[in-house]
Amino acid sequence: MNKTVNLFEEIYNFYKKLIYKGVIKKGEYLPSVREVALARKINPNTVVKAYNLLINDGLIQAINKKGYLVIYSTKNNKDQNLINELDDIKKEGYTKEEIINALEEVYKND
């Protein structure tokens, strides 16, 4: 685990990526707060904090007595998905120049 990232941010980023990539689709539920907390041996409030960030981003919705429902659809969000992927790459420490060079390499035969 990256020590500069808080645990709730790690959980938030994990589920955000799964939602943006369509691994967890619109209409599906995230694992329960209790399930995630037990699996990671952490306080449930940490999971709630992460899920609240996903709610604030408009990715999930809390459904009373049911859980956390994914409301984001990857359909028609292709541009946003690309931006999110590039943002993740930037956060990994790649410079703008390195990203541009990699893109040019990908498209050199087109």
Protein backbone atom coordinates (compact mmCIF):
# COMPACT_ATOMS: atom_id res chain seq x y z
CA MET A 1 0.00 0.00 0.00
CA ASN A 2 1.20 3.49 -0.83
CA LYS A 3 1.82 5.16 2.53
CA THR A 4 0.89 8.60 1.18
CA VAL A 5 -2.63 7.39 0.33
CA ASN A 6 -5.11 6.99 3.16
CA LEU A 7 -6.89 3.67 3.44
CA PHE A 8 -10.28 5.18 2.60
CA GLU A 9 -8.72 6.74 -0.53
CA GLU A 10 -7.31 3.37 -1.50
CA ILE A 11 -10.78 1.79 -1.23
CA TYR A 12 -12.33 4.74 -3.05
CA ASN A 13 -9.82 4.51 -5.92
CA PHE A 14 -10.20 0.74 -6.13
CA TYR A 15 -13.98 0.83 -6.58
CA LYS A 16 -13.86 3.96 -8.76
CA LYS A 17 -11.59 2.12 -11.21
CA LEU A 18 -13.82 -0.95 -11.22
CA ILE A 19 -16.86 1.20 -11.95
CA TYR A 20 -15.16 3.30 -14.66
CA LYS A 21 -13.83 0.18 -16.35
CA GLY A 22 -17.27 -1.42 -16.29
CA VAL A 23 -16.20 -4.33 -14.10
CA ILE A 24 -18.98 -3.33 -11.71
CA LYS A 25 -21.86 -2.17 -13.89
CA LYS A 26 -24.78 0.17 -13.48
CA GLY A 27 -27.50 -1.62 -11.50
CA GLU A 28 -25.07 -3.79 -9.53
CA TYR A 29 -24.34 -3.38 -5.84
CA LEU A 30 -20.96 -2.85 -4.24
CA PRO A 31 -19.95 -5.25 -1.49
CA SER A 32 -21.50 -4.32 1.83
CA VAL A 33 -19.63 -2.02 4.18
CA ARG A 34 -19.40 -4.84 6.70
CA GLU A 35 -18.06 -7.28 4.09
CA VAL A 36 -15.29 -4.91 2.98
CA ALA A 37 -14.41 -3.98 6.56
CA LEU A 38 -14.13 -7.63 7.62
CA ALA A 39 -12.11 -8.61 4.55
CA ARG A 40 -9.63 -5.79 5.10
CA LYS A 41 -9.76 -5.96 8.91
CA ILE A 42 -10.60 -2.25 9.18
CA ASN A 43 -13.19 -0.03 10.83
CA PRO A 44 -16.48 0.09 8.86
CA ASN A 45 -16.38 3.90 9.08
CA THR A 46 -13.36 3.82 6.77
CA VAL A 47 -15.40 2.02 4.12
CA VAL A 48 -18.32 4.41 4.63
CA LYS A 49 -15.98 7.35 4.07
CA ALA A 50 -14.78 5.81 0.79
CA TYR A 51 -18.32 5.02 -0.35
CA ASN A 52 -19.40 8.59 0.46
CA LEU A 53 -16.73 9.87 -1.92
CA LEU A 54 -18.17 7.60 -4.62
CA ILE A 55 -21.64 9.01 -3.86
CA ASN A 56 -20.27 12.56 -4.15
CA ASP A 57 -18.78 11.65 -7.54
CA GLY A 58 -22.18 10.44 -8.74
CA LEU A 59 -20.99 6.86 -9.18
CA ILE A 60 -23.13 5.12 -6.57
CA GLN A 61 -26.26 5.72 -4.54
CA ALA A 62 -27.05 4.49 -1.04
CA ILE A 63 -30.25 2.43 -1.07
CA ASN A 64 -31.79 2.10 2.38
CA LYS A 65 -31.52 -1.45 3.72
CA LYS A 66 -30.11 -2.72 0.40
CA GLY A 67 -26.63 -1.29 0.05
CA TYR A 68 -24.74 0.84 -2.42
CA LEU A 69 -26.02 0.74 -5.99
CA VAL A 70 -23.87 1.69 -8.98
CA ILE A 71 -25.64 4.42 -10.94
CA TYR A 72 -22.82 5.36 -13.32
CA SER A 73 -22.88 3.88 -16.79
CA THR A 74 -19.76 3.49 -18.90
CA LYS A 75 -21.93 3.92 -22.01
CA ASN A 76 -21.59 7.41 -23.47
CA ASN A 77 -18.78 8.17 -21.02
CA LYS A 78 -15.86 7.14 -23.20
CA ASP A 79 -14.13 10.54 -23.00
CA GLN A 80 -14.47 10.68 -19.22
CA ASN A 81 -13.09 7.15 -18.91
CA LEU A 82 -10.03 8.17 -20.94
CA ILE A 83 -9.52 11.25 -18.77
CA ASN A 84 -9.74 9.10 -15.64
CA GLU A 85 -7.19 6.62 -17.00
CA LEU A 86 -4.78 9.41 -17.93
CA ASP A 87 -5.24 10.99 -14.52
CA ASP A 88 -4.32 7.67 -12.89
CA ILE A 89 -1.22 7.46 -15.09
CA LYS A 90 -0.27 11.01 -14.10
CA LYS A 91 -0.70 10.11 -10.42
CA GLU A 92 1.74 7.23 -10.93
CA GLY A 93 4.40 9.85 -11.65
CA TYR A 94 4.52 9.98 -15.45
CA THR A 95 5.24 13.40 -16.92
CA LYS A 96 3.17 15.04 -19.65
CA GLU A 97 6.03 14.46 -22.09
CA GLU A 98 6.24 10.75 -21.24
CA ILE A 99 2.50 10.33 -21.76
CA ILE A 100 2.60 12.20 -25.09
CA ASN A 101 5.58 10.13 -26.25
CA ALA A 102 3.75 6.92 -25.36
CA LEU A 103 0.65 8.07 -27.25
CA GLU A 104 2.74 8.96 -30.30
CA GLU A 105 4.30 5.49 -30.16
CA VAL A 106 0.86 3.88 -30.03
CA TYR A 107 -0.39 5.88 -33.03
CA LYS A 108 2.79 5.91 -35.13
CA ASN A 109 1.44 3.38 -37.67
CA ASP A 110 -1.98 5.00 -38.07
